[in-house]
Amino acid sequence: MRDSRCAIGVDLGGQSVKLALVDGQGVIRRRRQESIDATKSAEQLCGVMLDQIRLLRLDARSENLAPSAVGIIMPGYMDRQRTRLIFAANLPTLSGSNLLADLRAGLDLPVTFDADSNGAAFGEYCYGAGQGVDRLTVVAVGTGIGAGVVADGQIVRVRHHIGGSLGHIIVDPRGLKCACGARGCVETVASGRALERQALEAAGSEPHSRLAALLNQRGSLTGKEVAEALAQGDSAACRVVRQCGWWLGVALASWAVVHAPRKVLIGGGIAQLGLPFIQAIHDGLQEVGQPALVKDTTVEPAGLGPDAGVVGAAGLAMAGL
């Protein structure tokens, strides 16, 4: 018998807002998505979100479902009470705005706010590949690198309601300057931006590689081209993917000293690189990490894919967290 509970999960990103009507088993019953302009005012973005939530509630009626709450996740830092967004790098007009209060005022349902990394981690813990794991880290590798942590069923909140900034673990103090101002953060060597930079360098040094051919054909190299070259066995692509994955594993070795994860799940856009990337992460973790902490740690692909955020946001709302 299908669980009659349901909630609306909302995942606000820098380019779009994704919404889903999610039941108590973590199954998406209806979904919506709307592109956004990150330069628009907080009031305009609030209006877009409220309109989409209203439309999804209308969709719910056709399923004979009545959502009991709304969970909203987004990038950035919130205040201690999760009532105000302090800083959102990819949504600059929202920093310091009244968005959270305005959303809550515009809805007649209980509203839960949280960081996007926490939402994805909670979704994987409740409904995805992290079910039953007592110490779980869920990593999202895209333009940057983020992570959420669930320990004994609870979201770990160290600072600004997140378990820490995995992307800014320093792995090479003599490395590149990071956008955050530090030097040698793992984002400089293992993020989507780093992958693209290293792919361009590899294409330049190996003109006969598949990466070089794709660069000549398409004018740029993104994760998509790297994945394509990787699937064709291109040695340059293999080396770039292994290097990025290995460095992420090194960062996770330091992370393990704090969070001691039993399982690490890898999601985000760069996860499309598949098992070679996952294996490289595992190898970096095992080669560098403290053996007693990492010898039993598994590294696997995340189970919910791009739906982890909306499913987790709805799960947070149903749990009242």
Protein backbone atom coordinates (compact mmCIF):
# COMPACT_ATOMS: atom_id res chain seq x y z
CA MET A 1 0.00 0.00 0.00
CA ARG A 2 1.42 3.38 -1.03
CA ASP A 3 2.27 5.80 1.79
CA SER A 4 -0.36 8.57 1.87
CA ARG A 5 2.01 11.13 3.40
CA CYS A 6 3.57 13.64 1.01
CA ALA A 7 5.42 16.93 0.93
CA ILE A 8 6.76 19.34 -1.64
CA GLY A 9 10.52 19.47 -2.09
CA VAL A 10 12.08 22.57 -3.63
CA ASP A 11 15.71 22.76 -4.78
CA LEU A 12 16.80 26.29 -5.66
CA GLY A 13 19.98 26.51 -7.73
CA GLY A 14 21.85 29.18 -9.60
CA GLN A 15 20.06 28.51 -12.90
CA SER A 16 16.74 26.87 -12.06
CA VAL A 17 14.35 25.86 -9.34
CA LYS A 18 13.29 22.21 -9.25
CA LEU A 19 10.19 21.07 -7.39
CA ALA A 20 8.69 17.66 -6.68
CA LEU A 21 5.69 16.19 -4.93
CA VAL A 22 7.24 13.36 -2.93
CA ASP A 23 5.41 10.67 -0.99
CA GLY A 24 6.42 9.05 2.28
CA GLN A 25 8.42 6.35 0.49
CA GLY A 26 10.54 8.92 -1.32
CA VAL A 27 8.75 8.40 -4.64
CA ILE A 28 8.28 11.47 -6.84
CA ARG A 29 4.64 11.69 -7.86
CA ARG A 30 4.78 14.97 -9.79
CA ARG A 31 7.57 17.38 -10.67
CA ARG A 32 8.11 20.85 -12.06
CA GLN A 33 11.14 22.91 -13.07
CA GLU A 34 11.53 26.57 -13.94
CA SER A 35 14.58 28.45 -15.20
CA ILE A 36 15.56 31.49 -13.18
CA ASP A 37 17.66 34.58 -13.73
CA ALA A 38 20.03 34.83 -10.79
CA THR A 39 20.32 38.60 -11.29
CA LYS A 40 16.63 39.13 -10.50
CA SER A 41 15.69 40.58 -7.13
CA ALA A 42 14.89 38.44 -4.11
CA GLU A 43 11.25 39.52 -4.40
CA GLN A 44 11.05 38.37 -8.04
CA LEU A 45 12.70 35.03 -7.28
CA CYS A 46 10.35 34.54 -4.34
CA GLY A 47 7.42 35.13 -6.69
CA VAL A 48 8.66 32.50 -9.14
CA MET A 49 9.04 29.93 -6.36
CA LEU A 50 5.61 30.64 -4.85
CA ASP A 51 3.98 30.39 -8.29
CA GLN A 52 5.61 27.01 -8.94
CA ILE A 53 4.65 25.69 -5.51
CA ARG A 54 1.06 26.78 -6.12
CA LEU A 55 1.01 24.97 -9.48
CA LEU A 56 2.46 21.82 -7.94
CA ARG A 57 -0.22 21.87 -5.26
CA LEU A 58 -2.80 21.94 -8.04
CA ASP A 59 -1.04 18.97 -9.64
CA ALA A 60 -1.25 17.14 -6.33
CA ARG A 61 -5.03 17.26 -6.41
CA SER A 62 -5.08 15.05 -9.50
CA GLU A 63 -3.19 12.46 -7.43
CA ASN A 64 -5.66 12.87 -4.55
CA LEU A 65 -2.76 14.01 -2.42
CA ALA A 66 -2.50 16.97 -0.08
CA PRO A 67 1.07 17.92 0.81
CA SER A 68 1.51 18.55 4.52
CA ALA A 69 4.65 20.68 4.36
CA VAL A 70 7.22 22.28 2.07
CA GLY A 71 10.98 21.72 2.26
CA ILE A 72 13.22 24.27 0.52
CA ILE A 73 16.96 23.84 0.04
CA MET A 74 19.46 26.20 -1.54
CA PRO A 75 23.18 26.94 -1.66
CA GLY A 76 24.58 29.34 0.89
CA TYR A 77 24.78 30.01 4.59
CA MET A 78 21.82 30.64 6.90
CA ASP A 79 21.61 32.16 10.36
CA ARG A 80 21.41 29.98 13.47
CA GLN A 81 17.60 29.79 13.36
CA ARG A 82 17.51 29.15 9.59
CA THR A 83 15.30 32.19 9.13
CA ARG A 84 17.65 34.36 7.07
CA LEU A 85 20.02 33.65 4.20
CA ILE A 86 23.33 35.25 5.09
CA PHE A 87 25.29 34.53 1.92
CA ALA A 88 24.56 32.80 -1.40
CA ALA A 89 27.49 32.93 -3.83
CA ASN A 90 25.55 31.81 -6.91
CA LEU A 91 22.43 33.84 -6.06
CA PRO A 92 23.90 37.22 -5.13
CA THR A 93 20.62 39.13 -4.78
CA LEU A 94 19.52 36.74 -2.04
CA SER A 95 22.42 37.42 0.32
CA GLY A 96 21.03 39.16 3.39
CA SER A 97 17.53 39.29 1.89
CA ASN A 98 14.18 38.48 3.46
CA LEU A 99 13.59 35.60 1.03
CA LEU A 100 13.04 32.96 3.69
CA ALA A 101 10.57 35.07 5.65
CA ASP A 102 8.74 36.06 2.46
CA LEU A 103 8.43 32.45 1.33
CA ARG A 104 7.11 31.39 4.71
CA ALA A 105 4.62 34.29 4.72
CA GLY A 106 3.41 33.32 1.24
CA LEU A 107 2.58 29.73 2.17
CA ASP A 108 -0.09 28.29 4.43
CA LEU A 109 1.95 25.14 5.08
CA PRO A 110 4.86 24.50 7.46
CA VAL A 111 8.14 25.34 5.72
CA THR A 112 11.58 23.84 6.38
CA PHE A 113 14.73 25.53 5.05
CA ASP A 114 18.15 23.93 4.77
CA ALA A 115 21.39 23.85 2.80
CA ASP A 116 21.34 21.96 -0.50
CA SER A 117 24.16 19.67 0.65
CA ASN A 118 22.12 18.64 3.69
CA GLY A 119 19.06 18.00 1.58
CA ALA A 120 20.93 15.67 -0.78
CA ALA A 121 22.55 13.81 2.12
CA PHE A 122 19.24 13.36 3.93
CA GLY A 123 17.59 12.15 0.73
CA GLU A 124 20.25 9.52 0.14
CA TYR A 125 20.11 8.45 3.79
CA CYS A 126 16.33 8.03 3.84
CA TYR A 127 15.61 6.80 0.32
CA GLY A 128 18.81 6.29 -1.66
CA ALA A 129 22.12 4.48 -1.53
CA GLY A 130 22.82 5.57 2.06
CA GLN A 131 19.94 3.77 3.74
CA GLY A 132 20.99 2.17 7.01
CA VAL A 133 24.48 3.74 7.00
CA ASP A 134 25.35 5.07 10.45
CA ARG A 135 27.99 7.55 9.23
CA LEU A 136 27.34 8.84 5.71
CA THR A 137 28.95 11.55 3.59
CA VAL A 138 27.28 12.60 0.34
CA VAL A 139 29.51 14.59 -2.02
CA ALA A 140 28.29 16.73 -4.91
CA VAL A 141 30.97 17.43 -7.51
CA GLY A 142 30.04 20.11 -10.00
CA THR A 143 31.34 23.63 -10.56
CA GLY A 144 32.42 23.37 -6.93
CA ILE A 145 32.51 20.57 -4.38
CA GLY A 146 30.06 20.31 -1.50
CA ALA A 147 29.17 17.64 1.02
CA GLY A 148 26.52 16.78 3.55
CA VAL A 149 26.97 14.47 6.53
CA VAL A 150 24.45 12.26 8.31
CA ALA A 151 25.58 10.55 11.52
CA ASP A 152 23.28 8.19 13.42
CA GLY A 153 20.32 9.56 11.51
CA GLN A 154 21.08 13.21 12.29
CA ILE A 155 22.38 15.90 9.94
CA VAL A 156 25.76 17.09 11.20
CA ARG A 157 25.90 20.88 11.52
CA VAL A 158 29.33 22.28 12.29
CA ARG A 159 29.04 25.84 11.01
CA HIS A 160 26.31 27.65 9.09
CA HIS A 161 24.26 24.43 9.29
CA ILE A 162 26.61 22.33 7.17
CA GLY A 163 29.06 19.61 8.15
CA GLY A 164 32.02 21.54 6.78
CA SER A 165 33.30 22.82 3.44
CA LEU A 166 34.78 19.75 1.76
CA GLY A 167 35.68 21.75 -1.35
CA HIS A 168 37.98 23.91 0.73
CA ILE A 169 39.99 21.19 2.40
CA ILE A 170 43.57 22.18 1.53
CA VAL A 171 45.39 19.40 -0.29
CA ASP A 172 48.30 21.29 -1.88
CA PRO A 173 49.50 24.37 0.03
CA ARG A 174 51.81 25.29 -2.86
CA GLY A 175 49.02 24.85 -5.40
CA LEU A 176 46.68 27.27 -7.11
CA LYS A 177 44.86 30.09 -5.38
CA CYS A 178 41.21 29.20 -4.79
CA ALA A 179 38.29 31.57 -5.38
CA CYS A 180 37.67 31.44 -1.61
CA GLY A 181 41.03 33.16 -1.02
CA ALA A 182 42.92 30.14 0.32
CA ARG A 183 45.62 28.27 -1.57
CA GLY A 184 45.51 24.65 -2.68
CA CYS A 185 41.86 23.82 -1.93
CA VAL A 186 40.64 20.56 -3.42
CA GLU A 187 38.28 22.58 -5.64
CA THR A 188 41.34 23.80 -7.53
CA VAL A 189 42.26 20.25 -8.55
CA ALA A 190 39.10 18.13 -8.46
CA SER A 191 36.02 20.25 -9.29
CA GLY A 192 34.27 20.62 -12.62
CA ARG A 193 36.29 23.76 -13.34
CA ALA A 194 39.52 21.94 -12.49
CA LEU A 195 38.58 19.01 -14.71
CA GLU A 196 37.99 21.33 -17.66
CA ARG A 197 41.25 23.19 -17.08
CA GLN A 198 43.26 19.99 -16.85
CA ALA A 199 41.53 18.57 -19.93
CA LEU A 200 42.55 21.64 -21.92
CA GLU A 201 46.12 21.26 -20.71
CA ALA A 202 46.12 17.57 -21.65
CA ALA A 203 44.71 18.31 -25.10
CA GLY A 204 47.46 20.87 -25.64
CA SER A 205 50.24 18.50 -24.59
CA GLU A 206 48.81 15.50 -26.45
CA PRO A 207 47.62 16.80 -29.85
CA HIS A 208 46.79 13.30 -31.10
CA SER A 209 44.51 12.48 -28.19
CA ARG A 210 40.74 12.19 -28.43
CA LEU A 211 40.50 15.17 -26.07
CA ALA A 212 42.42 17.29 -28.60
CA ALA A 213 40.15 16.10 -31.42
CA LEU A 214 37.03 16.99 -29.45
CA LEU A 215 38.48 20.39 -28.62
CA ASN A 216 39.09 21.03 -32.31
CA GLN A 217 35.57 19.90 -33.20
CA ARG A 218 33.62 21.71 -30.47
CA GLY A 219 35.82 24.59 -29.41
CA SER A 220 35.75 23.74 -25.70
CA LEU A 221 36.04 20.83 -23.29
CA THR A 222 33.45 20.23 -20.60
CA GLY A 223 32.68 17.24 -18.43
CA LYS A 224 30.61 15.89 -21.31
CA GLU A 225 33.58 15.78 -23.69
CA VAL A 226 35.86 14.33 -21.04
CA ALA A 227 33.31 11.58 -20.36
CA GLU A 228 33.04 10.88 -24.09
CA ALA A 229 36.81 10.61 -24.51
CA LEU A 230 37.04 8.49 -21.37
CA ALA A 231 34.43 6.05 -22.72
CA GLN A 232 36.57 5.67 -25.84
CA GLY A 233 39.62 4.77 -23.78
CA ASP A 234 41.54 7.98 -24.47
CA SER A 235 44.68 7.91 -22.35
CA ALA A 236 44.70 11.69 -21.83
CA ALA A 237 41.13 11.67 -20.54
CA CYS A 238 41.87 8.68 -18.32
CA ARG A 239 44.81 10.49 -16.78
CA VAL A 240 42.82 13.69 -16.13
CA VAL A 241 39.89 11.82 -14.57
CA ARG A 242 42.18 9.74 -12.39
CA GLN A 243 44.09 12.81 -11.23
CA CYS A 244 40.91 14.72 -10.28
CA GLY A 245 39.43 11.70 -8.52
CA TRP A 246 42.62 10.95 -6.63
CA TRP A 247 42.84 14.48 -5.26
CA LEU A 248 39.23 14.31 -4.08
CA GLY A 249 40.14 11.09 -2.29
CA VAL A 250 43.01 12.92 -0.59
CA ALA A 251 40.59 15.58 0.65
CA LEU A 252 38.27 12.86 1.94
CA ALA A 253 41.22 11.36 3.84
CA SER A 254 41.41 14.59 5.87
CA TRP A 255 37.62 14.72 6.11
CA ALA A 256 37.67 11.19 7.59
CA VAL A 257 39.66 12.37 10.61
CA VAL A 258 36.66 14.53 11.53
CA HIS A 259 33.64 12.60 10.27
CA ALA A 260 34.85 8.98 9.90
CA PRO A 261 32.33 8.05 7.17
CA ARG A 262 31.45 4.40 6.67
CA LYS A 263 30.23 5.21 3.17
CA VAL A 264 30.89 8.08 0.78
CA LEU A 265 28.41 8.66 -2.04
CA ILE A 266 29.45 10.69 -5.08
CA GLY A 267 26.86 12.75 -6.95
CA GLY A 268 26.71 15.97 -8.94
CA GLY A 269 27.34 16.61 -12.61
CA ILE A 270 30.89 15.26 -12.65
CA ALA A 271 29.66 11.92 -11.32
CA GLN A 272 28.77 11.16 -14.96
CA LEU A 273 32.43 10.17 -15.34
CA GLY A 274 31.37 6.91 -13.72
CA LEU A 275 33.39 4.13 -12.17
CA PRO A 276 36.90 5.31 -13.23
CA PHE A 277 36.27 8.51 -11.26
CA ILE A 278 34.82 6.63 -8.30
CA GLN A 279 37.74 4.20 -8.27
CA ALA A 280 40.26 7.04 -8.32
CA ILE A 281 38.54 8.68 -5.35
CA HIS A 282 38.65 5.39 -3.46
CA ASP A 283 42.34 4.93 -4.29
CA GLY A 284 43.26 8.42 -3.09
CA LEU A 285 41.37 7.89 0.15
CA GLN A 286 43.01 4.54 0.83
CA GLU A 287 46.53 5.60 -0.17
CA VAL A 288 46.58 8.74 1.97
CA GLY A 289 44.05 8.21 4.75
CA GLN A 290 44.64 6.91 8.26
CA PRO A 291 44.25 3.14 7.83
CA ALA A 292 42.21 2.59 10.97
CA LEU A 293 39.68 5.19 9.78
CA VAL A 294 39.42 4.47 6.04
CA LYS A 295 40.12 0.76 5.53
CA ASP A 296 36.42 -0.11 5.66
CA THR A 297 35.12 3.07 4.01
CA THR A 298 33.34 2.44 0.72
CA VAL A 299 33.01 4.96 -2.12
CA GLU A 300 30.01 4.52 -4.40
CA PRO A 301 27.85 6.51 -6.83
CA ALA A 302 24.92 8.32 -5.24
CA GLY A 303 21.61 6.55 -5.75
CA LEU A 304 19.12 9.35 -6.39
CA GLY A 305 21.06 11.28 -9.02
CA PRO A 306 19.77 14.80 -9.71
CA ASP A 307 16.63 14.09 -7.67
CA ALA A 308 18.51 13.82 -4.36
CA GLY A 309 17.88 17.48 -3.54
CA VAL A 310 14.11 17.62 -4.06
CA VAL A 311 13.57 14.21 -2.47
CA GLY A 312 15.71 15.14 0.51
CA ALA A 313 14.01 18.53 0.88
CA ALA A 314 10.61 16.84 1.00
CA GLY A 315 11.97 14.28 3.47
CA LEU A 316 13.21 17.06 5.74
CA ALA A 317 9.78 18.67 5.60
CA MET A 318 7.96 15.44 6.46
CA ALA A 319 10.38 14.85 9.34
CA GLY A 320 9.91 18.41 10.59
CA LEU A 321 13.66 19.06 10.61
